């Protein structure tokens, strides 16, 4: 997607929200610019330390610990903001609003799109002995939240913020993989690829890029 769309000019600054170890940076350097101005932000310091070790720190690359709903940046601080984590947030407005605030040109939001909008709690340990009868309102057990939005919902959401959608595009730029084979996912639902979609437990994740552009 990145190399097929006219979304980058030399010198543009990029913020990667939920960057983890900075895996997007490898693609950004390969597809767009080997000296791209990149800032990765994540709440987990362990991931940031790994990213710093892999990519180093210099005038074009930095990793910062922070919260996506309270970004430590001024308005319009970056040309483009990449976001790959909004489906974990119970309130999309607080997360998206902060991204739009610090983006001068656009926000590129990678998200699974559903046929309908739904909320899913993926229970990480579903032993009956540990959690008993499942209550959707229960918060004591360990779970991951998935917010799956329909295309129609996202269109209305972006319009409500008075920005405009530049494009929707399905993300199918991935090969076959199965994270269930990795030891770190031994006790939690893990994602694997089947055809042009990804599966996590009982969820079908039809990933799309949504480019949201400032229309002012």
N, C-alpha and C. Protein backbone atom coordinates (compact mmCIF):
# COMPACT_ATOMS: atom_id res chain seq x y z
N UNK A 1 0.82 -1.21 0.00
CA UNK A 1 0.00 0.00 0.00
C UNK A 1 0.86 1.25 0.00
N UNK A 2 1.90 1.29 0.84
CA UNK A 2 2.71 2.49 1.01
C UNK A 2 3.35 2.95 -0.29
N UNK A 3 3.84 2.00 -1.07
CA UNK A 3 4.54 2.37 -2.30
C UNK A 3 3.59 2.52 -3.48
N UNK A 4 2.29 2.25 -3.29
CA UNK A 4 1.33 2.40 -4.38
C UNK A 4 0.49 3.66 -4.26
N UNK A 5 0.61 4.36 -3.15
CA UNK A 5 -0.19 5.55 -2.91
C UNK A 5 0.72 6.77 -2.80
N UNK A 6 0.23 7.88 -3.28
CA UNK A 6 0.99 9.12 -3.22
C UNK A 6 0.76 9.77 -1.86
N UNK A 7 1.39 9.18 -0.83
CA UNK A 7 1.14 9.64 0.54
C UNK A 7 2.41 10.09 1.25
N UNK A 8 3.52 10.15 0.53
CA UNK A 8 4.77 10.52 1.18
C UNK A 8 5.61 11.40 0.26
N UNK A 9 6.19 12.44 0.87
CA UNK A 9 7.18 13.27 0.19
C UNK A 9 8.45 13.28 1.02
N UNK A 10 9.59 13.34 0.37
CA UNK A 10 10.86 13.34 1.07
C UNK A 10 10.88 14.43 2.14
N UNK A 11 11.27 14.06 3.34
CA UNK A 11 11.31 15.00 4.45
C UNK A 11 10.11 14.94 5.36
N UNK A 12 9.05 14.22 4.96
CA UNK A 12 7.87 14.09 5.81
C UNK A 12 8.22 13.41 7.13
N UNK A 13 7.57 13.82 8.20
CA UNK A 13 7.76 13.21 9.50
C UNK A 13 6.63 12.22 9.78
N UNK A 14 7.00 11.07 10.37
CA UNK A 14 6.07 9.97 10.59
C UNK A 14 6.01 9.64 12.08
N UNK A 15 4.79 9.52 12.62
CA UNK A 15 4.58 9.01 13.97
C UNK A 15 3.91 7.65 13.86
N UNK A 16 4.49 6.64 14.51
CA UNK A 16 3.98 5.27 14.50
C UNK A 16 3.44 4.96 15.89
N UNK A 17 2.10 4.96 16.04
CA UNK A 17 1.46 4.71 17.32
C UNK A 17 1.35 3.21 17.58
N UNK A 18 1.74 2.80 18.78
CA UNK A 18 1.76 1.38 19.10
C UNK A 18 2.84 0.68 18.31
N UNK A 19 4.01 1.30 18.26
CA UNK A 19 5.08 0.85 17.36
C UNK A 19 5.70 -0.47 17.78
N UNK A 20 5.52 -0.87 19.05
CA UNK A 20 6.20 -2.06 19.59
C UNK A 20 7.71 -1.92 19.35
N UNK A 21 8.30 -2.86 18.62
CA UNK A 21 9.75 -2.79 18.37
C UNK A 21 10.10 -2.00 17.11
N UNK A 22 9.09 -1.41 16.46
CA UNK A 22 9.35 -0.61 15.26
C UNK A 22 9.36 -1.41 13.98
N UNK A 23 8.54 -2.48 13.92
CA UNK A 23 8.57 -3.34 12.73
C UNK A 23 8.11 -2.61 11.47
N UNK A 24 7.27 -1.56 11.61
CA UNK A 24 6.87 -0.79 10.43
C UNK A 24 8.03 -0.01 9.84
N UNK A 25 8.99 0.35 10.68
CA UNK A 25 10.10 1.18 10.20
C UNK A 25 10.90 0.48 9.11
N UNK A 26 11.07 -0.83 9.23
CA UNK A 26 11.80 -1.57 8.20
C UNK A 26 11.13 -1.40 6.84
N UNK A 27 9.79 -1.51 6.80
CA UNK A 27 9.07 -1.34 5.53
C UNK A 27 9.11 0.10 5.06
N UNK A 28 8.98 1.05 5.98
CA UNK A 28 9.02 2.47 5.60
C UNK A 28 10.35 2.83 4.96
N UNK A 29 11.43 2.34 5.52
CA UNK A 29 12.76 2.62 4.95
C UNK A 29 12.94 1.94 3.61
N UNK A 30 12.41 0.74 3.47
CA UNK A 30 12.58 -0.01 2.22
C UNK A 30 11.70 0.55 1.10
N UNK A 31 10.46 0.90 1.43
CA UNK A 31 9.51 1.30 0.40
C UNK A 31 9.48 2.80 0.12
N UNK A 32 9.78 3.61 1.13
CA UNK A 32 9.61 5.05 0.97
C UNK A 32 10.91 5.83 0.99
N UNK A 33 11.71 5.66 2.02
CA UNK A 33 12.88 6.53 2.19
C UNK A 33 13.80 5.91 3.23
N UNK A 34 15.04 5.63 2.84
CA UNK A 34 15.99 5.02 3.78
C UNK A 34 16.35 5.95 4.93
N UNK A 35 16.06 7.24 4.78
CA UNK A 35 16.35 8.21 5.83
C UNK A 35 15.06 8.89 6.32
N UNK A 36 13.98 8.14 6.36
CA UNK A 36 12.69 8.69 6.76
C UNK A 36 12.74 9.20 8.19
N UNK A 37 12.06 10.28 8.46
CA UNK A 37 12.00 10.88 9.80
C UNK A 37 10.91 10.17 10.60
N UNK A 38 11.32 9.30 11.50
CA UNK A 38 10.43 8.35 12.16
C UNK A 38 10.45 8.53 13.67
N UNK A 39 9.25 8.58 14.27
CA UNK A 39 9.10 8.53 15.73
C UNK A 39 8.15 7.39 16.06
N UNK A 40 8.62 6.45 16.87
CA UNK A 40 7.78 5.36 17.32
C UNK A 40 7.35 5.59 18.76
N UNK A 41 6.06 5.38 19.05
CA UNK A 41 5.54 5.56 20.40
C UNK A 41 4.83 4.29 20.85
N UNK A 42 5.16 3.86 22.07
CA UNK A 42 4.51 2.69 22.64
C UNK A 42 4.49 2.86 24.15
N UNK A 43 3.55 2.18 24.80
CA UNK A 43 3.45 2.28 26.26
C UNK A 43 4.37 1.29 26.95
N UNK A 44 4.86 0.28 26.22
CA UNK A 44 5.68 -0.78 26.79
C UNK A 44 7.16 -0.48 26.57
N UNK A 45 7.87 -0.18 27.64
CA UNK A 45 9.27 0.20 27.53
C UNK A 45 10.14 -0.94 27.04
N UNK A 46 9.75 -2.18 27.34
CA UNK A 46 10.54 -3.33 26.88
C UNK A 46 10.61 -3.36 25.36
N UNK A 47 9.48 -3.15 24.69
CA UNK A 47 9.47 -3.13 23.23
C UNK A 47 10.33 -1.98 22.70
N UNK A 48 10.23 -0.82 23.33
CA UNK A 48 10.99 0.35 22.87
C UNK A 48 12.48 0.11 22.99
N UNK A 49 12.91 -0.55 24.05
CA UNK A 49 14.33 -0.84 24.21
C UNK A 49 14.82 -1.76 23.10
N UNK A 50 14.00 -2.75 22.74
CA UNK A 50 14.38 -3.63 21.64
C UNK A 50 14.48 -2.85 20.33
N UNK A 51 13.51 -1.95 20.10
CA UNK A 51 13.55 -1.15 18.88
C UNK A 51 14.78 -0.28 18.82
N UNK A 52 15.16 0.30 19.94
CA UNK A 52 16.36 1.14 19.97
C UNK A 52 17.62 0.33 19.69
N UNK A 53 17.64 -0.91 20.18
CA UNK A 53 18.79 -1.77 19.92
C UNK A 53 18.88 -2.18 18.45
N UNK A 54 17.72 -2.43 17.84
CA UNK A 54 17.71 -2.88 16.44
C UNK A 54 18.01 -1.74 15.48
N UNK A 55 17.35 -0.58 15.68
CA UNK A 55 17.42 0.51 14.71
C UNK A 55 18.35 1.64 15.13
N UNK A 56 18.67 1.71 16.41
CA UNK A 56 19.50 2.81 16.88
C UNK A 56 18.69 4.09 17.03
N UNK A 57 19.34 5.11 17.55
CA UNK A 57 18.72 6.42 17.72
C UNK A 57 19.59 7.47 17.05
N UNK A 58 18.96 8.32 16.22
CA UNK A 58 19.69 9.42 15.60
C UNK A 58 18.69 10.51 15.25
N UNK A 59 19.11 11.48 14.42
CA UNK A 59 18.24 12.60 14.10
C UNK A 59 17.02 12.20 13.26
N UNK A 60 17.03 10.99 12.68
CA UNK A 60 15.90 10.56 11.85
C UNK A 60 15.06 9.48 12.52
N UNK A 61 15.48 8.98 13.66
CA UNK A 61 14.80 7.85 14.28
C UNK A 61 14.81 7.98 15.79
N UNK A 62 13.61 7.92 16.41
CA UNK A 62 13.53 7.97 17.86
C UNK A 62 12.36 7.12 18.35
N UNK A 63 12.48 6.59 19.56
CA UNK A 63 11.43 5.79 20.19
C UNK A 63 11.07 6.43 21.52
N UNK A 64 9.76 6.66 21.75
CA UNK A 64 9.29 7.39 22.92
C UNK A 64 8.20 6.58 23.62
N UNK A 65 8.28 6.54 24.95
CA UNK A 65 7.22 5.90 25.73
C UNK A 65 6.08 6.89 25.93
N UNK A 66 4.85 6.47 25.68
CA UNK A 66 3.73 7.38 25.85
C UNK A 66 2.41 6.67 25.64
N UNK A 67 1.33 7.41 25.92
CA UNK A 67 -0.02 6.90 25.83
C UNK A 67 -0.71 7.50 24.61
N UNK A 68 -1.35 6.67 23.81
CA UNK A 68 -1.96 7.13 22.56
C UNK A 68 -3.13 8.07 22.79
N UNK A 69 -3.74 8.05 23.98
CA UNK A 69 -4.86 8.95 24.24
C UNK A 69 -4.42 10.23 24.94
N UNK A 70 -3.13 10.38 25.15
CA UNK A 70 -2.58 11.61 25.74
C UNK A 70 -1.17 11.81 25.20
N UNK A 71 -1.10 12.15 23.92
CA UNK A 71 0.18 12.19 23.23
C UNK A 71 1.03 13.38 23.67
N UNK A 72 2.33 13.16 23.89
CA UNK A 72 3.22 14.22 24.37
C UNK A 72 3.78 15.08 23.23
N UNK A 73 2.89 15.49 22.30
CA UNK A 73 3.32 16.27 21.15
C UNK A 73 2.40 17.45 20.93
N UNK A 74 2.92 18.49 20.27
CA UNK A 74 2.12 19.66 19.95
C UNK A 74 1.18 19.37 18.78
N UNK A 75 0.22 20.24 18.56
CA UNK A 75 -0.68 20.11 17.42
C UNK A 75 0.11 20.11 16.12
N UNK A 76 -0.34 19.30 15.15
CA UNK A 76 0.26 19.26 13.80
C UNK A 76 1.75 18.95 13.84
N UNK A 77 2.19 18.12 14.79
CA UNK A 77 3.61 17.86 14.96
C UNK A 77 4.18 16.94 13.88
N UNK A 78 3.33 16.13 13.24
CA UNK A 78 3.79 15.15 12.26
C UNK A 78 2.98 15.27 10.98
N UNK A 79 3.64 14.97 9.86
CA UNK A 79 2.91 14.97 8.59
C UNK A 79 1.92 13.82 8.53
N UNK A 80 2.36 12.63 8.95
CA UNK A 80 1.50 11.44 8.89
C UNK A 80 1.61 10.67 10.20
N UNK A 81 0.46 10.21 10.68
CA UNK A 81 0.40 9.35 11.86
C UNK A 81 -0.10 7.98 11.43
N UNK A 82 0.66 6.93 11.76
CA UNK A 82 0.23 5.56 11.55
C UNK A 82 -0.32 5.01 12.87
N UNK A 83 -1.48 4.37 12.82
CA UNK A 83 -2.09 3.80 14.01
C UNK A 83 -2.54 2.37 13.73
N UNK A 84 -2.05 1.44 14.55
CA UNK A 84 -2.34 0.03 14.33
C UNK A 84 -2.93 -0.60 15.59
N UNK A 85 -3.56 0.22 16.46
CA UNK A 85 -3.99 -0.30 17.75
C UNK A 85 -5.37 0.17 18.20
N UNK A 86 -6.08 0.93 17.38
CA UNK A 86 -7.34 1.51 17.83
C UNK A 86 -8.41 0.46 18.12
N UNK A 87 -8.29 -0.71 17.53
CA UNK A 87 -9.30 -1.74 17.77
C UNK A 87 -9.24 -2.29 19.20
N UNK A 88 -8.21 -1.92 19.97
CA UNK A 88 -8.12 -2.34 21.37
C UNK A 88 -8.73 -1.31 22.33
N UNK A 89 -9.13 -0.14 21.82
CA UNK A 89 -9.60 0.94 22.68
C UNK A 89 -11.13 0.90 22.81
N UNK A 90 -11.66 0.96 24.05
CA UNK A 90 -13.11 0.94 24.20
C UNK A 90 -13.79 2.20 23.68
N UNK A 91 -13.07 3.33 23.63
CA UNK A 91 -13.63 4.58 23.10
C UNK A 91 -12.76 5.03 21.93
N UNK A 92 -13.24 4.85 20.72
CA UNK A 92 -12.48 5.21 19.55
C UNK A 92 -12.31 6.72 19.42
N UNK A 93 -13.26 7.50 19.94
CA UNK A 93 -13.18 8.95 19.76
C UNK A 93 -11.97 9.54 20.47
N UNK A 94 -11.67 9.07 21.70
CA UNK A 94 -10.54 9.63 22.44
C UNK A 94 -9.21 9.30 21.78
N UNK A 95 -9.11 8.09 21.23
CA UNK A 95 -7.87 7.68 20.57
C UNK A 95 -7.68 8.40 19.23
N UNK A 96 -8.74 8.42 18.42
CA UNK A 96 -8.65 9.03 17.10
C UNK A 96 -8.46 10.54 17.19
N UNK A 97 -9.13 11.16 18.14
CA UNK A 97 -9.02 12.61 18.28
C UNK A 97 -7.59 13.06 18.53
N UNK A 98 -6.86 12.32 19.37
CA UNK A 98 -5.47 12.67 19.65
C UNK A 98 -4.59 12.51 18.41
N UNK A 99 -4.82 11.45 17.65
CA UNK A 99 -4.06 11.23 16.42
C UNK A 99 -4.30 12.35 15.42
N UNK A 100 -5.56 12.73 15.25
CA UNK A 100 -5.89 13.81 14.33
C UNK A 100 -5.28 15.13 14.80
N UNK A 101 -5.21 15.32 16.10
CA UNK A 101 -4.65 16.57 16.64
C UNK A 101 -3.19 16.75 16.25
N UNK A 102 -2.40 15.68 16.30
CA UNK A 102 -0.96 15.81 16.06
C UNK A 102 -0.60 15.58 14.60
N UNK A 103 -1.58 15.24 13.74
CA UNK A 103 -1.32 14.98 12.32
C UNK A 103 -1.60 16.23 11.50
N UNK A 104 -0.63 16.65 10.73
CA UNK A 104 -0.79 17.81 9.87
C UNK A 104 -1.47 17.45 8.55
N UNK A 105 -1.14 16.27 8.01
CA UNK A 105 -1.68 15.88 6.70
C UNK A 105 -2.72 14.77 6.80
N UNK A 106 -2.35 13.65 7.43
CA UNK A 106 -3.25 12.49 7.42
C UNK A 106 -2.93 11.55 8.57
N UNK A 107 -3.95 10.73 8.89
CA UNK A 107 -3.80 9.58 9.77
C UNK A 107 -4.09 8.34 8.95
N UNK A 108 -3.18 7.38 8.98
CA UNK A 108 -3.40 6.10 8.31
C UNK A 108 -3.68 5.07 9.39
N UNK A 109 -4.91 4.62 9.41
CA UNK A 109 -5.43 3.76 10.47
C UNK A 109 -5.56 2.35 9.91
N UNK A 110 -4.81 1.40 10.48
CA UNK A 110 -4.92 0.00 10.09
C UNK A 110 -5.85 -0.68 11.09
N UNK A 111 -6.93 -1.27 10.57
CA UNK A 111 -7.95 -1.81 11.46
C UNK A 111 -8.69 -2.96 10.79
N UNK A 112 -9.14 -3.94 11.57
CA UNK A 112 -10.04 -4.95 10.99
C UNK A 112 -11.41 -4.34 10.75
N UNK A 113 -11.98 -4.61 9.59
CA UNK A 113 -13.31 -4.12 9.23
C UNK A 113 -14.31 -5.26 9.34
N UNK A 114 -15.45 -5.00 9.98
CA UNK A 114 -16.48 -6.01 10.11
C UNK A 114 -17.65 -5.74 9.19
N UNK A 115 -18.45 -6.77 8.92
CA UNK A 115 -19.68 -6.56 8.17
C UNK A 115 -20.65 -5.72 8.99
N UNK A 116 -20.59 -5.87 10.31
CA UNK A 116 -21.33 -5.02 11.23
C UNK A 116 -20.37 -4.59 12.33
N UNK A 117 -20.73 -3.55 13.05
CA UNK A 117 -19.91 -3.08 14.16
C UNK A 117 -20.21 -3.93 15.39
N UNK A 118 -19.15 -4.43 16.04
CA UNK A 118 -19.37 -5.27 17.21
C UNK A 118 -18.22 -5.12 18.19
N UNK A 119 -18.48 -5.50 19.44
CA UNK A 119 -17.50 -5.50 20.51
C UNK A 119 -17.24 -6.95 20.91
N UNK A 120 -15.98 -7.36 20.96
CA UNK A 120 -15.65 -8.73 21.34
C UNK A 120 -14.61 -8.72 22.46
N UNK A 121 -14.87 -9.52 23.49
CA UNK A 121 -13.88 -9.76 24.53
C UNK A 121 -13.29 -11.14 24.29
N UNK A 122 -12.01 -11.17 23.95
CA UNK A 122 -11.32 -12.44 23.74
C UNK A 122 -10.67 -12.83 25.07
N UNK A 123 -11.22 -13.86 25.71
CA UNK A 123 -10.73 -14.28 27.02
C UNK A 123 -9.41 -15.02 26.84
N UNK A 124 -8.41 -14.59 27.59
CA UNK A 124 -7.07 -15.13 27.41
C UNK A 124 -6.89 -16.48 28.07
N UNK A 125 -7.57 -16.72 29.18
CA UNK A 125 -7.55 -18.04 29.79
C UNK A 125 -8.99 -18.44 30.05
N UNK A 126 -9.51 -19.38 29.26
CA UNK A 126 -10.94 -19.68 29.33
C UNK A 126 -11.23 -20.95 30.13
N UNK A 127 -10.41 -21.22 31.14
CA UNK A 127 -10.66 -22.35 32.02
C UNK A 127 -11.90 -22.08 32.87
N UNK A 128 -12.87 -23.00 32.85
CA UNK A 128 -14.08 -22.83 33.65
C UNK A 128 -13.75 -22.76 35.14
N UNK A 129 -12.76 -23.53 35.56
CA UNK A 129 -12.39 -23.52 36.97
C UNK A 129 -11.91 -22.14 37.43
N UNK A 130 -11.33 -21.37 36.50
CA UNK A 130 -10.81 -20.06 36.87
C UNK A 130 -11.83 -18.93 36.72
N UNK A 131 -12.69 -18.99 35.71
CA UNK A 131 -13.56 -17.84 35.46
C UNK A 131 -15.03 -18.14 35.71
N UNK A 132 -15.41 -19.41 35.86
CA UNK A 132 -16.80 -19.74 36.13
C UNK A 132 -17.71 -19.40 34.96
N UNK A 133 -18.95 -19.01 35.27
CA UNK A 133 -19.89 -18.63 34.23
C UNK A 133 -19.46 -17.30 33.61
N UNK A 134 -19.40 -17.25 32.29
CA UNK A 134 -18.95 -16.04 31.60
C UNK A 134 -20.05 -14.99 31.60
N UNK A 135 -19.72 -13.82 32.11
CA UNK A 135 -20.64 -12.68 32.12
C UNK A 135 -20.01 -11.58 31.27
N UNK A 136 -20.69 -11.12 30.21
CA UNK A 136 -20.09 -10.08 29.34
C UNK A 136 -19.67 -8.82 30.09
N UNK A 137 -20.30 -8.57 31.24
CA UNK A 137 -19.96 -7.37 31.99
C UNK A 137 -18.80 -7.58 32.96
N UNK A 138 -18.36 -8.83 33.12
CA UNK A 138 -17.29 -9.14 34.05
C UNK A 138 -15.96 -8.57 33.57
N UNK A 139 -15.17 -8.06 34.47
CA UNK A 139 -13.86 -7.50 34.11
C UNK A 139 -12.73 -8.13 34.91
N UNK A 140 -13.04 -9.11 35.75
CA UNK A 140 -12.01 -9.69 36.61
C UNK A 140 -11.09 -10.65 35.85
N UNK A 141 -11.60 -11.31 34.81
CA UNK A 141 -10.75 -12.23 34.06
C UNK A 141 -9.89 -11.47 33.04
N UNK A 142 -8.83 -12.12 32.59
CA UNK A 142 -7.93 -11.51 31.60
C UNK A 142 -8.54 -11.64 30.21
N UNK A 143 -8.61 -10.52 29.50
CA UNK A 143 -9.17 -10.55 28.16
C UNK A 143 -8.54 -9.46 27.30
N UNK A 144 -8.65 -9.64 26.02
CA UNK A 144 -8.27 -8.62 25.05
C UNK A 144 -9.55 -8.11 24.38
N UNK A 145 -9.68 -6.80 24.30
CA UNK A 145 -10.85 -6.20 23.68
C UNK A 145 -10.62 -5.98 22.19
N UNK A 146 -11.58 -6.40 21.38
CA UNK A 146 -11.55 -6.13 19.95
C UNK A 146 -12.78 -5.32 19.58
N UNK A 147 -12.56 -4.13 19.03
CA UNK A 147 -13.65 -3.31 18.51
C UNK A 147 -13.62 -3.42 16.99
N UNK A 148 -14.60 -4.06 16.42
CA UNK A 148 -14.66 -4.25 14.97
C UNK A 148 -15.71 -3.31 14.40
N UNK A 149 -15.27 -2.38 13.56
CA UNK A 149 -16.17 -1.38 13.00
C UNK A 149 -16.49 -1.70 11.54
N UNK A 150 -17.69 -1.40 11.13
CA UNK A 150 -18.05 -1.52 9.72
C UNK A 150 -17.52 -0.31 8.95
N UNK A 151 -17.42 -0.46 7.65
CA UNK A 151 -16.97 0.66 6.82
C UNK A 151 -17.92 1.84 6.96
N UNK A 152 -19.22 1.56 7.00
CA UNK A 152 -20.22 2.63 7.13
C UNK A 152 -20.02 3.40 8.44
N UNK A 153 -19.72 2.68 9.52
CA UNK A 153 -19.52 3.33 10.81
C UNK A 153 -18.30 4.25 10.76
N UNK A 154 -17.21 3.77 10.18
CA UNK A 154 -15.99 4.57 10.12
C UNK A 154 -16.20 5.82 9.27
N UNK A 155 -16.93 5.67 8.17
CA UNK A 155 -17.22 6.83 7.34
C UNK A 155 -17.98 7.90 8.14
N UNK A 156 -18.96 7.48 8.92
CA UNK A 156 -19.70 8.43 9.74
C UNK A 156 -18.84 9.04 10.83
N UNK A 157 -17.98 8.22 11.45
CA UNK A 157 -17.09 8.70 12.50
C UNK A 157 -16.15 9.78 11.99
N UNK A 158 -15.52 9.54 10.85
CA UNK A 158 -14.57 10.50 10.29
C UNK A 158 -15.29 11.78 9.89
N UNK A 159 -16.45 11.64 9.31
CA UNK A 159 -17.23 12.83 8.94
C UNK A 159 -17.58 13.66 10.16
N UNK A 160 -17.84 12.99 11.29
CA UNK A 160 -18.18 13.70 12.52
C UNK A 160 -17.00 14.52 13.02
N UNK A 161 -15.78 14.11 12.70
CA UNK A 161 -14.59 14.86 13.06
C UNK A 161 -14.25 15.94 12.03
N UNK A 162 -15.04 16.03 10.96
CA UNK A 162 -14.84 17.02 9.89
C UNK A 162 -13.53 16.81 9.15
N UNK A 163 -13.06 15.56 9.09
CA UNK A 163 -11.98 15.18 8.20
C UNK A 163 -12.60 14.38 7.05
N UNK A 164 -11.77 13.89 6.13
CA UNK A 164 -12.32 13.11 5.02
C UNK A 164 -11.51 11.84 4.82
N UNK A 165 -12.18 10.80 4.35
CA UNK A 165 -11.50 9.54 4.06
C UNK A 165 -10.89 9.62 2.66
N UNK A 166 -9.60 9.42 2.61
CA UNK A 166 -8.87 9.45 1.34
C UNK A 166 -9.03 8.13 0.60
N UNK A 167 -8.91 7.01 1.32
CA UNK A 167 -9.14 5.71 0.71
C UNK A 167 -9.29 4.63 1.78
N UNK A 168 -10.04 3.58 1.44
CA UNK A 168 -10.06 2.30 2.15
C UNK A 168 -9.29 1.32 1.26
N UNK A 169 -8.41 0.53 1.86
CA UNK A 169 -7.72 -0.49 1.07
C UNK A 169 -7.44 -1.70 1.94
N UNK A 170 -7.82 -2.87 1.44
CA UNK A 170 -7.56 -4.10 2.20
C UNK A 170 -6.07 -4.36 2.29
N UNK A 171 -5.62 -4.77 3.47
CA UNK A 171 -4.23 -5.14 3.68
C UNK A 171 -4.09 -6.63 3.39
N UNK A 172 -3.51 -6.94 2.25
CA UNK A 172 -3.21 -8.34 1.94
C UNK A 172 -1.73 -8.53 1.65
N UNK A 173 -0.92 -7.59 2.15
CA UNK A 173 0.53 -7.67 1.93
C UNK A 173 1.21 -8.50 3.02
N UNK A 174 0.73 -9.70 3.22
CA UNK A 174 1.37 -10.58 4.19
C UNK A 174 1.33 -12.00 3.66
N UNK A 175 2.35 -12.76 4.01
CA UNK A 175 2.42 -14.15 3.60
C UNK A 175 1.80 -15.05 4.65
N UNK A 176 1.93 -16.34 4.43
CA UNK A 176 1.39 -17.32 5.37
C UNK A 176 2.17 -17.28 6.68
N UNK A 177 1.45 -17.31 7.79
CA UNK A 177 2.10 -17.39 9.10
C UNK A 177 1.11 -17.97 10.11
N UNK A 178 1.65 -18.47 11.22
CA UNK A 178 0.83 -19.01 12.30
C UNK A 178 1.56 -18.75 13.61
N UNK A 179 1.10 -17.73 14.33
CA UNK A 179 1.74 -17.38 15.59
C UNK A 179 1.48 -18.40 16.69
N UNK A 180 0.56 -19.33 16.45
CA UNK A 180 0.33 -20.39 17.42
C UNK A 180 1.55 -21.28 17.59
N UNK A 181 2.45 -21.25 16.63
CA UNK A 181 3.66 -22.06 16.69
C UNK A 181 4.74 -21.43 17.57
N UNK A 182 4.55 -20.18 17.99
CA UNK A 182 5.55 -19.48 18.79
C UNK A 182 5.29 -19.68 20.28
N UNK A 183 6.36 -19.89 21.03
CA UNK A 183 6.23 -20.21 22.45
C UNK A 183 5.60 -19.08 23.25
N UNK A 184 5.83 -17.81 22.84
CA UNK A 184 5.29 -16.69 23.60
C UNK A 184 3.77 -16.58 23.51
N UNK A 185 3.15 -17.29 22.55
CA UNK A 185 1.69 -17.28 22.41
C UNK A 185 1.07 -18.58 22.92
N UNK A 186 1.81 -19.32 23.71
CA UNK A 186 1.37 -20.65 24.13
C UNK A 186 0.06 -20.61 24.92
N UNK A 187 -0.14 -19.59 25.75
CA UNK A 187 -1.29 -19.55 26.64
C UNK A 187 -2.34 -18.51 26.25
N UNK A 188 -2.22 -17.91 25.07
CA UNK A 188 -3.17 -16.88 24.65
C UNK A 188 -3.58 -17.13 23.20
N UNK A 189 -4.75 -16.61 22.79
CA UNK A 189 -5.14 -16.73 21.38
C UNK A 189 -4.12 -16.04 20.48
N UNK A 190 -3.73 -16.69 19.43
CA UNK A 190 -2.71 -16.14 18.53
C UNK A 190 -3.27 -16.05 17.12
N UNK A 191 -2.70 -15.15 16.33
CA UNK A 191 -3.18 -14.89 14.98
C UNK A 191 -2.47 -15.77 13.96
N UNK A 192 -3.22 -16.19 12.96
CA UNK A 192 -2.64 -16.91 11.83
C UNK A 192 -3.32 -16.45 10.56
N UNK A 193 -2.67 -16.64 9.44
CA UNK A 193 -3.20 -16.21 8.14
C UNK A 193 -3.87 -17.39 7.45
N UNK A 194 -5.08 -17.12 6.93
CA UNK A 194 -5.78 -18.08 6.09
C UNK A 194 -6.27 -17.32 4.86
N UNK A 195 -5.67 -17.59 3.72
CA UNK A 195 -6.02 -16.85 2.51
C UNK A 195 -5.64 -15.39 2.67
N UNK A 196 -6.60 -14.50 2.38
CA UNK A 196 -6.32 -13.06 2.46
C UNK A 196 -6.83 -12.46 3.76
N UNK A 197 -7.11 -13.30 4.76
CA UNK A 197 -7.57 -12.81 6.05
C UNK A 197 -6.72 -13.40 7.17
N UNK A 198 -6.85 -12.81 8.33
CA UNK A 198 -6.18 -13.32 9.51
C UNK A 198 -7.22 -13.79 10.52
N UNK A 199 -6.88 -14.84 11.26
CA UNK A 199 -7.78 -15.44 12.23
C UNK A 199 -7.14 -15.35 13.61
N UNK A 200 -7.91 -14.88 14.60
CA UNK A 200 -7.45 -14.88 15.98
C UNK A 200 -8.54 -15.55 16.81
N UNK A 201 -8.29 -16.80 17.21
CA UNK A 201 -9.32 -17.56 17.90
C UNK A 201 -10.52 -17.73 17.00
N UNK A 202 -11.68 -17.23 17.43
CA UNK A 202 -12.90 -17.33 16.63
C UNK A 202 -13.17 -16.07 15.81
N UNK A 203 -12.26 -15.08 15.85
CA UNK A 203 -12.44 -13.83 15.12
C UNK A 203 -11.79 -13.90 13.75
N UNK A 204 -12.50 -13.45 12.73
CA UNK A 204 -11.93 -13.27 11.40
C UNK A 204 -11.56 -11.80 11.26
N UNK A 205 -10.28 -11.52 11.04
CA UNK A 205 -9.78 -10.16 11.01
C UNK A 205 -9.49 -9.77 9.56
N UNK A 206 -10.39 -9.01 9.00
CA UNK A 206 -10.26 -8.54 7.61
C UNK A 206 -9.62 -7.15 7.66
N UNK A 207 -8.29 -7.11 7.66
CA UNK A 207 -7.56 -5.88 7.90
C UNK A 207 -7.64 -4.92 6.71
N UNK A 208 -7.83 -3.65 7.02
CA UNK A 208 -7.85 -2.60 6.01
C UNK A 208 -7.01 -1.41 6.48
N UNK A 209 -6.51 -0.67 5.51
CA UNK A 209 -5.94 0.65 5.77
C UNK A 209 -7.02 1.69 5.49
N UNK A 210 -7.19 2.61 6.42
CA UNK A 210 -8.09 3.74 6.23
C UNK A 210 -7.26 5.01 6.30
N UNK A 211 -7.15 5.71 5.20
CA UNK A 211 -6.39 6.96 5.18
C UNK A 211 -7.35 8.12 5.40
N UNK A 212 -7.10 8.86 6.48
CA UNK A 212 -7.97 9.98 6.88
C UNK A 212 -7.17 11.25 6.69
N UNK A 213 -7.69 12.14 5.86
CA UNK A 213 -6.94 13.33 5.45
C UNK A 213 -7.60 14.60 5.99
N UNK A 214 -6.77 15.53 6.40
CA UNK A 214 -7.25 16.84 6.83
C UNK A 214 -7.77 17.58 5.60
N UNK A 215 -9.05 17.96 5.58
CA UNK A 215 -9.61 18.58 4.40
C UNK A 215 -9.61 20.10 4.48
N UNK A 216 -8.91 20.64 5.48
CA UNK A 216 -8.85 22.11 5.58
C UNK A 216 -7.81 22.67 4.61
